[in-house]
Amino acid sequence: MSDTYLIAGGTIVDARRERIADVLIEDGKVVRVEPNISIPQGAHVIDAQGKIVSPGLVDIQVHFREPGQEQSEDIESGSRSAAVGGMTAVQCMPNTNPCIDSVDAYLDVKDRAKNASCDVFVAAAITKNRASEEVVPFVELYEAGARTFTDDGDCVRSARVMREAVEGLSPLQDAVLAQHCEDYSLVHDGVIDEGYVSAELGLPGRHRVAEEIIIWRDIALMSAFSRKSLRYHVLHLSTRQGLEAVRHAHRTGVNITAEVAPQHLVLTSELLKSGNANFKMNPPLREQADVQALRSGIKDGTITAIATDHAPHPKDQKDLGVVKAPPGMLGVETALSVGITHLVHTGVLTIRELIYLLSMKPSRIINAYKPENGGHGLAIHPGNPANITVFSMDEDWVVQAKDLHSKSENSPWDGQQLKGKVHYTFLQGKMTCEKGQPTK
């Protein structure tokens, strides 16, 4: 099959500008971007009139569950779902079994991801077995290729250990120290957000101050012990108080970035009253005031990425109910549509701003934009790798969780009508999604 594609007549949205043009792809790269390109012999033509052509999306927080939890997801199924969602790169978290806390474990997952439908970046743990007691061998993991370090799923509980991480990673160029910001002592037995909904349901809560405390603690540690080159990254920010802490860090010169999940920009704890455990996650869904604050944070640039925290679980586990079910929601296949529906069509963001948050900005947080890392999130420009997504803005579709390409069905958007649909995804010039379906 020819590797030459002509994407014809779409509206290109990237870091350069919005314009209507054709895009010619050959041998994995963009070779021409201009109106009315003549069709080369043997080229596959994609009619993109009325559609958006953008850099491929980059999701910097996913759980593809491999190794150890393949009944929920594996790299093949997760990356296939990501490609259908318009993603060309993802970053997998290290809370696998075994934990990614050694060079062997890191290289094992990288090897498993060689034939994935998107580029898979692999984060390593901060502490051995994510136990908050002893830091991992940072330099060895860095030399093996790891750049992001996080105990995601859990917070690093000890300030002393977190200081060791800050000092250990500071000399390593492009290293990222990412934190799941929930003080364990305040949330370990909680089920949902602590507030009026948890009180009404009689459920133990996960208090918002747990997020704020950890962000402030880590800002202080970064200020005291880091070099400016080390980036501190807040995973799945969820509260207005946490947002204010990040704003303060920006003002005081801390090298900090933050992400927010689509669900925290749309959904609230009210939905837990239904008893549907697909709305249970950590950090939990919060109140409407938090939703509004987080939307202001993406608008003013305090929050620099939207990341899904894609966390699959088998249906029988989610059917255990809000108290017993594990936390987590699917996200990679619906993130773009949720953003278009709830942020673009409501006037919160322009489509260009949404693509910045889903592609250009996250690619820079994990260094995926660099040519040696695949060149993700770059402008659609001659010479750049052809990591591209083609999608509609106004097409309506109803999410059917059973029809998503994950192994699991725990989507909070199940049964909801969304706008915007991915039609094609290209990874290094290879088509990974064709007419809304995976190519492998």
Protein backbone atom coordinates (compact mmCIF):
# COMPACT_ATOMS: atom_id res chain seq x y z
CA MET A 1 0.00 0.00 0.00
CA SER A 2 1.28 3.43 -0.93
CA ASP A 3 2.42 5.69 1.91
CA THR A 4 1.42 8.79 -0.05
CA TYR A 5 -1.71 10.60 1.13
CA LEU A 6 -3.36 13.82 0.05
CA ILE A 7 -5.61 15.35 2.70
CA ALA A 8 -7.67 17.70 0.58
CA GLY A 9 -9.52 20.87 1.47
CA GLY A 10 -9.49 20.75 5.26
CA THR A 11 -9.11 23.64 7.71
CA ILE A 12 -5.66 23.32 9.22
CA VAL A 13 -5.51 24.29 12.91
CA ASP A 14 -2.04 24.31 14.45
CA ALA A 15 0.52 26.63 16.05
CA ARG A 16 1.02 28.63 12.87
CA ARG A 17 -2.45 29.78 11.91
CA GLU A 18 -5.83 28.55 10.67
CA ARG A 19 -6.05 28.17 6.91
CA ILE A 20 -7.74 26.00 4.30
CA ALA A 21 -5.19 23.96 2.37
CA ASP A 22 -4.26 20.51 1.14
CA VAL A 23 -1.66 18.42 2.97
CA LEU A 24 0.57 16.01 1.05
CA ILE A 25 2.16 13.20 3.06
CA GLU A 26 5.00 11.07 1.69
CA ASP A 27 7.31 8.65 3.49
CA GLY A 28 6.06 9.61 6.92
CA LYS A 29 6.48 13.36 6.55
CA VAL A 30 4.49 16.39 5.48
CA VAL A 31 5.98 17.47 2.14
CA ARG A 32 3.57 20.17 0.93
CA VAL A 33 0.89 22.36 2.52
CA GLU A 34 -0.89 24.58 0.02
CA PRO A 35 -4.21 24.92 -1.80
CA ASN A 36 -5.11 22.74 -4.78
CA ILE A 37 -2.22 20.29 -4.82
CA SER A 38 -2.34 18.05 -7.88
CA ILE A 39 -2.97 14.42 -6.94
CA PRO A 40 0.29 12.45 -7.20
CA GLN A 41 0.14 9.10 -8.94
CA GLY A 42 -0.86 6.35 -6.52
CA ALA A 43 -1.78 8.74 -3.70
CA HIS A 44 -4.70 8.04 -1.41
CA VAL A 45 -7.02 11.04 -1.36
CA ILE A 46 -8.92 12.01 1.79
CA ASP A 47 -11.70 14.53 1.36
CA ALA A 48 -11.34 16.82 4.40
CA GLN A 49 -13.69 19.59 3.27
CA GLY A 50 -15.64 20.87 6.27
CA LYS A 51 -13.26 19.10 8.65
CA ILE A 52 -10.37 20.16 10.89
CA VAL A 53 -6.84 18.95 10.22
CA SER A 54 -4.68 19.28 13.33
CA PRO A 55 -1.52 17.90 14.90
CA GLY A 56 -2.15 14.51 16.50
CA LEU A 57 -3.33 14.62 20.10
CA VAL A 58 -0.95 13.83 22.97
CA ASP A 59 -2.35 12.34 26.19
CA ILE A 60 0.22 12.56 28.97
CA GLN A 61 -1.64 10.44 31.52
CA VAL A 62 -3.08 7.03 30.65
CA HIS A 63 -3.28 3.64 32.34
CA PHE A 64 -3.00 0.86 29.77
CA ARG A 65 -2.66 -1.69 32.60
CA GLU A 66 0.10 -3.77 31.03
CA PRO A 67 1.74 -5.65 32.59
CA GLY A 68 -0.34 -7.30 35.29
CA GLN A 69 -3.88 -6.06 34.71
CA GLU A 70 -4.53 -7.02 31.10
CA GLN A 71 -8.09 -8.04 31.89
CA SER A 72 -8.86 -4.30 32.07
CA GLU A 73 -6.70 -3.07 29.18
CA ASP A 74 -3.45 -3.75 27.40
CA ILE A 75 -1.19 -1.62 25.27
CA GLU A 76 -2.69 -2.96 22.04
CA SER A 77 -6.31 -2.23 22.99
CA GLY A 78 -5.51 1.04 24.75
CA SER A 79 -3.43 2.43 21.90
CA ARG A 80 -6.04 1.36 19.36
CA SER A 81 -8.67 3.25 21.33
CA ALA A 82 -6.33 6.24 21.58
CA ALA A 83 -5.82 6.27 17.80
CA VAL A 84 -9.60 6.30 17.27
CA GLY A 85 -9.64 9.28 19.63
CA GLY A 86 -7.15 11.14 17.41
CA MET A 87 -4.06 10.49 19.55
CA THR A 88 -0.61 9.90 18.15
CA ALA A 89 1.21 9.74 21.50
CA VAL A 90 0.36 8.80 25.08
CA GLN A 91 2.26 8.50 28.34
CA CYS A 92 1.60 5.39 30.43
CA MET A 93 1.72 5.57 34.21
CA PRO A 94 3.90 3.19 36.28
CA ASN A 95 1.25 1.68 38.60
CA THR A 96 1.45 -1.65 36.83
CA ASN A 97 2.27 -5.08 38.26
CA PRO A 98 5.20 -5.13 38.57
CA CYS A 99 5.62 -1.43 39.16
CA ILE A 100 7.87 0.41 36.71
CA ASP A 101 10.58 1.14 39.27
CA SER A 102 13.59 -0.49 37.63
CA VAL A 103 15.36 -0.41 34.29
CA ASP A 104 14.21 -3.93 33.47
CA ALA A 105 10.56 -3.06 34.13
CA TYR A 106 10.84 0.14 32.11
CA LEU A 107 12.45 -1.55 29.12
CA ASP A 108 9.90 -4.37 29.27
CA VAL A 109 6.99 -1.97 28.80
CA LYS A 110 8.82 -0.05 26.07
CA ASP A 111 9.36 -3.34 24.26
CA ARG A 112 5.69 -4.31 24.64
CA ALA A 113 4.72 -0.97 23.06
CA LYS A 114 6.81 -1.32 19.89
CA ASN A 115 3.82 -2.19 17.70
CA ALA A 116 1.27 0.08 19.37
CA SER A 117 -1.13 2.24 17.36
CA CYS A 118 0.44 5.37 18.86
CA ASP A 119 3.81 6.29 20.28
CA VAL A 120 3.92 5.17 23.92
CA PHE A 121 5.99 7.14 26.42
CA VAL A 122 6.51 5.33 29.71
CA ALA A 123 6.72 7.09 33.07
CA ALA A 124 8.82 5.54 35.82
CA ALA A 125 7.96 5.55 39.51
CA ILE A 126 9.48 7.97 42.00
CA THR A 127 9.77 5.40 44.78
CA LYS A 128 10.29 1.66 44.76
CA ASN A 129 6.95 -0.13 44.45
CA ARG A 130 5.40 3.33 44.85
CA ALA A 131 5.68 2.83 48.61
CA SER A 132 6.99 6.33 49.46
CA GLU A 133 9.98 4.88 51.31
CA GLU A 134 12.99 4.63 48.98
CA VAL A 135 13.58 6.48 45.71
CA VAL A 136 14.19 4.58 42.49
CA PRO A 137 17.60 4.68 40.71
CA PHE A 138 16.89 7.91 38.85
CA VAL A 139 20.09 8.09 36.82
CA GLU A 140 19.85 4.47 35.64
CA LEU A 141 16.24 4.92 34.56
CA TYR A 142 17.05 8.23 32.92
CA GLU A 143 19.88 6.65 30.94
CA ALA A 144 17.46 3.91 29.86
CA GLY A 145 15.13 6.59 28.47
CA ALA A 146 12.72 7.56 31.26
CA ARG A 147 12.01 11.28 31.55
CA THR A 148 8.83 11.47 33.65
CA PHE A 149 8.83 10.14 37.20
CA THR A 150 5.63 9.73 39.22
CA ASP A 151 4.00 7.47 41.80
CA ASP A 152 0.62 8.20 40.18
CA GLY A 153 -2.25 6.39 41.79
CA ASP A 154 -0.63 7.41 45.04
CA CYS A 155 1.06 10.52 46.36
CA VAL A 156 4.64 10.55 47.65
CA ARG A 157 3.70 10.77 51.32
CA SER A 158 7.00 11.83 52.87
CA ALA A 159 8.40 15.32 52.40
CA ARG A 160 11.87 13.92 53.04
CA VAL A 161 11.51 11.39 50.22
CA MET A 162 10.07 14.05 47.93
CA ARG A 163 13.08 16.24 48.67
CA GLU A 164 15.33 13.34 47.63
CA ALA A 165 13.38 13.13 44.37
CA VAL A 166 13.71 16.86 43.70
CA GLU A 167 17.44 16.80 44.38
CA GLY A 168 17.99 13.54 42.50
CA LEU A 169 16.19 14.64 39.35
CA SER A 170 17.34 18.27 39.23
CA PRO A 171 20.62 17.56 37.38
CA LEU A 172 18.85 15.51 34.67
CA GLN A 173 17.94 17.56 31.60
CA ASP A 174 14.26 17.40 30.58
CA ALA A 175 13.28 15.37 33.64
CA VAL A 176 9.71 15.81 34.88
CA LEU A 177 8.61 15.17 38.47
CA ALA A 178 4.86 14.51 38.36
CA GLN A 179 2.71 14.24 41.45
CA HIS A 180 -0.68 12.75 42.30
CA CYS A 181 -1.59 15.49 44.76
CA GLU A 182 -3.69 13.93 47.52
CA ASP A 183 -2.40 13.74 51.09
CA TYR A 184 -2.87 10.05 51.91
CA SER A 185 -3.85 10.61 55.54
CA LEU A 186 -6.85 12.70 54.45
CA VAL A 187 -8.15 10.51 51.62
CA HIS A 188 -7.10 6.88 52.11
CA ASP A 189 -10.53 5.69 53.27
CA GLY A 190 -12.57 8.18 51.23
CA VAL A 191 -14.97 7.19 48.47
CA ILE A 192 -16.07 10.47 46.83
CA ASP A 193 -15.50 14.20 47.28
CA GLU A 194 -16.07 15.25 50.88
CA GLY A 195 -18.94 17.73 50.81
CA TYR A 196 -22.68 17.95 50.77
CA VAL A 197 -23.07 14.95 48.45
CA SER A 198 -20.96 12.64 50.61
CA ALA A 199 -22.87 13.86 53.67
CA GLU A 200 -26.22 13.20 51.96
CA LEU A 201 -25.14 9.71 50.90
CA GLY A 202 -23.44 8.92 54.22
CA LEU A 203 -20.13 8.08 52.51
CA PRO A 204 -16.59 8.85 53.72
CA GLY A 205 -15.06 11.63 51.67
CA ARG A 206 -11.77 12.64 50.08
CA HIS A 207 -11.36 16.26 51.20
CA ARG A 208 -10.19 18.89 48.74
CA VAL A 209 -7.63 20.26 51.18
CA ALA A 210 -5.62 17.06 50.59
CA GLU A 211 -4.81 18.30 47.09
CA GLU A 212 -3.97 21.81 48.21
CA ILE A 213 -1.65 20.63 51.00
CA ILE A 214 0.50 18.51 48.69
CA ILE A 215 0.78 21.16 45.98
CA TRP A 216 1.90 23.77 48.52
CA ARG A 217 4.32 21.29 50.12
CA ASP A 218 5.91 20.42 46.81
CA ILE A 219 6.10 24.06 45.70
CA ALA A 220 8.10 24.74 48.86
CA LEU A 221 10.39 21.77 48.17
CA MET A 222 10.90 22.85 44.56
CA SER A 223 11.69 26.41 45.66
CA ALA A 224 14.24 25.24 48.21
CA PHE A 225 15.96 22.30 46.51
CA SER A 226 15.45 22.24 42.74
CA ARG A 227 17.33 23.65 39.83
CA LYS A 228 15.26 25.72 37.43
CA SER A 229 15.52 23.03 34.74
CA LEU A 230 13.44 20.47 36.68
CA ARG A 231 9.74 20.63 35.85
CA TYR A 232 7.19 19.83 38.55
CA HIS A 233 3.91 18.64 37.05
CA VAL A 234 0.54 18.46 38.82
CA LEU A 235 -1.46 15.48 37.62
CA HIS A 236 -5.27 15.74 37.25
CA LEU A 237 -5.80 19.03 39.09
CA SER A 238 -9.35 19.03 40.49
CA THR A 239 -10.00 21.90 42.93
CA ARG A 240 -10.17 25.68 42.86
CA GLN A 241 -7.83 25.81 45.87
CA GLY A 242 -5.26 23.67 44.06
CA LEU A 243 -5.55 25.97 41.06
CA GLU A 244 -4.71 28.98 43.22
CA ALA A 245 -1.62 27.19 44.53
CA VAL A 246 -0.45 26.58 40.96
CA ARG A 247 -1.10 30.24 40.12
CA HIS A 248 1.06 31.26 43.08
CA ALA A 249 3.86 28.97 41.90
CA HIS A 250 3.79 30.58 38.45
CA ARG A 251 4.03 34.03 40.02
CA THR A 252 7.02 33.05 42.15
CA GLY A 253 8.99 31.45 39.32
CA VAL A 254 8.60 27.75 40.12
CA ASN A 255 8.97 25.59 36.99
CA ILE A 256 5.49 24.10 37.20
CA THR A 257 2.88 22.76 34.80
CA ALA A 258 -0.55 21.32 35.50
CA GLU A 259 -3.08 19.19 33.68
CA VAL A 260 -6.82 18.71 34.09
CA ALA A 261 -8.98 15.77 33.00
CA PRO A 262 -12.02 16.33 30.76
CA GLN A 263 -14.33 14.97 33.45
CA HIS A 264 -13.19 17.60 35.94
CA LEU A 265 -14.09 20.30 33.42
CA VAL A 266 -17.63 19.01 32.96
CA LEU A 267 -18.93 16.59 35.60
CA THR A 268 -19.69 17.09 39.31
CA SER A 269 -20.14 14.97 42.42
CA GLU A 270 -23.92 15.32 42.05
CA LEU A 271 -23.73 12.46 39.55
CA LEU A 272 -22.69 10.03 42.30
CA LYS A 273 -26.21 10.25 43.68
CA SER A 274 -27.21 7.94 40.81
CA GLY A 275 -25.11 5.15 42.30
CA ASN A 276 -23.26 4.76 38.98
CA ALA A 277 -19.65 3.91 39.82
CA ASN A 278 -18.49 5.06 36.38
CA PHE A 279 -18.50 8.52 37.99
CA LYS A 280 -16.09 7.40 40.73
CA MET A 281 -12.44 8.40 40.29
CA ASN A 282 -9.43 9.71 42.19
CA PRO A 283 -9.19 12.60 42.60
CA PRO A 284 -12.97 12.62 42.78
CA LEU A 285 -15.44 14.72 40.86
CA ARG A 286 -15.90 17.99 42.73
CA GLU A 287 -18.48 20.81 42.83
CA GLN A 288 -19.69 23.14 40.09
CA ALA A 289 -17.57 25.97 41.51
CA ASP A 290 -14.49 23.82 40.91
CA VAL A 291 -15.57 23.10 37.33
CA GLN A 292 -15.90 26.83 36.68
CA ALA A 293 -12.56 27.61 38.31
CA LEU A 294 -10.74 24.95 36.31
CA ARG A 295 -12.27 26.30 33.12
CA SER A 296 -10.86 29.71 34.01
CA GLY A 297 -7.49 28.03 34.60
CA ILE A 298 -7.36 26.55 31.10
CA LYS A 299 -8.46 29.87 29.63
CA ASP A 300 -5.79 31.97 31.34
CA GLY A 301 -2.95 29.47 30.84
CA THR A 302 -2.49 28.37 34.45
CA ILE A 303 -3.40 24.84 33.37
CA THR A 304 -1.23 23.79 30.46
CA ALA A 305 -2.72 20.49 29.31
CA ILE A 306 -5.85 18.38 29.18
CA ALA A 307 -5.05 14.72 29.93
CA THR A 308 -7.60 11.95 30.30
CA ASP A 309 -6.35 9.81 33.21
CA HIS A 310 -7.76 6.92 31.13
CA ALA A 311 -8.32 4.22 33.77
CA PRO A 312 -10.12 1.09 32.56
CA HIS A 313 -11.79 -1.44 34.87
CA PRO A 314 -13.85 -4.51 33.98
CA LYS A 315 -17.62 -4.12 34.10
CA ASP A 316 -18.06 -6.64 36.91
CA GLN A 317 -15.80 -4.51 39.14
CA LYS A 318 -17.59 -1.26 38.35
CA ASP A 319 -20.93 -3.00 38.97
CA LEU A 320 -19.94 -3.45 42.63
CA GLY A 321 -21.29 0.04 43.35
CA VAL A 322 -19.84 3.35 44.46
CA VAL A 323 -18.34 2.10 47.74
CA LYS A 324 -16.62 -1.07 46.51
CA ALA A 325 -15.87 -0.32 42.86
CA PRO A 326 -12.34 0.79 41.94
CA PRO A 327 -11.97 4.43 40.85
CA GLY A 328 -11.40 5.39 37.26
CA MET A 329 -12.99 6.22 33.91
CA LEU A 330 -12.26 5.66 30.22
CA GLY A 331 -11.13 8.74 28.35
CA VAL A 332 -8.86 8.44 25.31
CA GLU A 333 -11.58 7.81 22.74
CA THR A 334 -13.90 10.61 23.87
CA ALA A 335 -11.59 13.43 25.05
CA LEU A 336 -11.67 15.46 21.84
CA SER A 337 -15.45 15.16 21.46
CA VAL A 338 -16.03 16.12 25.11
CA GLY A 339 -13.84 19.19 24.61
CA ILE A 340 -15.63 20.20 21.42
CA THR A 341 -19.07 19.66 22.97
CA HIS A 342 -18.58 21.22 26.39
CA LEU A 343 -15.81 23.76 25.81
CA VAL A 344 -15.80 24.86 22.16
CA HIS A 345 -19.52 24.80 21.38
CA THR A 346 -20.22 26.55 24.70
CA GLY A 347 -17.74 29.34 23.96
CA VAL A 348 -15.23 28.52 26.71
CA LEU A 349 -12.44 27.83 24.20
CA THR A 350 -11.80 28.21 20.51
CA ILE A 351 -10.96 25.05 18.60
CA ARG A 352 -7.38 26.27 18.30
CA GLU A 353 -7.14 26.71 22.08
CA LEU A 354 -8.52 23.21 22.61
CA ILE A 355 -5.96 21.71 20.24
CA TYR A 356 -3.20 23.56 22.09
CA LEU A 357 -4.33 21.89 25.33
CA LEU A 358 -4.70 18.44 23.77
CA SER A 359 -1.64 18.44 21.52
CA MET A 360 0.90 21.25 21.36
CA LYS A 361 1.24 22.01 25.06
CA PRO A 362 1.24 18.44 26.44
CA SER A 363 3.79 17.42 23.79
CA ARG A 364 6.16 19.97 25.28
CA ILE A 365 5.59 18.87 28.87
CA ILE A 366 6.89 15.36 28.12
CA ASN A 367 9.28 16.43 25.34
CA ALA A 368 7.30 14.50 22.71
CA TYR A 369 7.71 17.42 20.30
CA LYS A 370 11.41 16.72 19.82
CA PRO A 371 12.33 15.01 16.53
CA GLU A 372 14.08 12.15 18.35
CA ASN A 373 10.84 11.52 20.28
CA GLY A 374 8.57 11.47 17.26
CA GLY A 375 7.89 15.14 16.64
CA HIS A 376 4.37 15.22 18.10
CA GLY A 377 2.32 18.39 18.44
CA LEU A 378 4.29 20.23 15.77
CA ALA A 379 2.82 22.50 13.13
CA ILE A 380 1.58 20.85 9.95
CA HIS A 381 4.48 22.13 7.90
CA PRO A 382 6.76 20.68 5.21
CA GLY A 383 9.51 18.59 6.77
CA ASN A 384 7.68 17.78 9.99
CA PRO A 385 6.56 14.24 10.85
CA ALA A 386 3.02 13.45 9.69
CA ASN A 387 1.37 13.04 13.10
CA ILE A 388 -2.06 14.30 12.14
CA THR A 389 -5.71 14.06 13.13
CA VAL A 390 -8.68 14.80 10.85
CA PHE A 391 -11.98 15.37 12.62
CA SER A 392 -15.41 16.96 12.33
CA MET A 393 -16.63 19.77 14.56
CA ASP A 394 -20.42 19.42 14.33
CA GLU A 395 -21.09 15.74 13.73
CA ASP A 396 -23.35 14.29 16.43
CA TRP A 397 -22.80 10.83 17.87
CA VAL A 398 -24.00 8.94 20.92
CA VAL A 399 -21.38 7.24 23.07
CA GLN A 400 -22.04 3.53 23.47
CA ALA A 401 -19.51 2.23 25.98
CA LYS A 402 -19.77 -1.34 24.69
CA ASP A 403 -18.74 -0.15 21.23
CA LEU A 404 -15.60 1.70 22.34
CA HIS A 405 -12.31 0.01 21.52
CA SER A 406 -11.11 -0.40 25.09
CA LYS A 407 -11.36 -3.79 26.78
CA SER A 408 -13.48 -2.07 29.43
CA GLU A 409 -16.75 -0.13 29.37
CA ASN A 410 -16.49 2.26 32.31
CA SER A 411 -17.19 5.46 30.41
CA PRO A 412 -18.91 8.34 32.24
CA TRP A 413 -20.16 9.50 28.84
CA ASP A 414 -22.08 6.30 28.07
CA GLY A 415 -25.40 7.17 26.42
CA GLN A 416 -24.55 10.86 26.02
CA GLN A 417 -24.66 12.69 22.72
CA LEU A 418 -21.44 14.45 21.82
CA LYS A 419 -20.34 16.64 18.93
CA GLY A 420 -17.20 16.15 16.90
CA LYS A 421 -15.79 12.88 15.65
CA VAL A 422 -12.34 11.73 14.58
CA HIS A 423 -12.28 10.39 11.02
CA TYR A 424 -8.56 9.82 10.39
CA THR A 425 -5.38 9.62 12.44
CA PHE A 426 -1.85 9.40 11.05
CA LEU A 427 1.20 8.30 13.05
CA GLN A 428 4.44 9.09 11.24
CA GLY A 429 2.49 9.02 8.00
CA LYS A 430 0.86 5.64 8.69
CA MET A 431 -2.92 5.63 8.99
CA THR A 432 -3.97 4.30 12.41
CA CYS A 433 -7.63 5.35 12.23
CA GLU A 434 -9.64 5.27 9.01
CA LYS A 435 -13.22 6.53 8.84
CA GLY A 436 -13.49 6.37 12.62
CA GLN A 437 -12.19 2.80 12.97
CA PRO A 438 -8.77 1.44 13.94
CA THR A 439 -6.67 0.15 11.07
CA LYS A 440 -5.30 -2.76 13.09
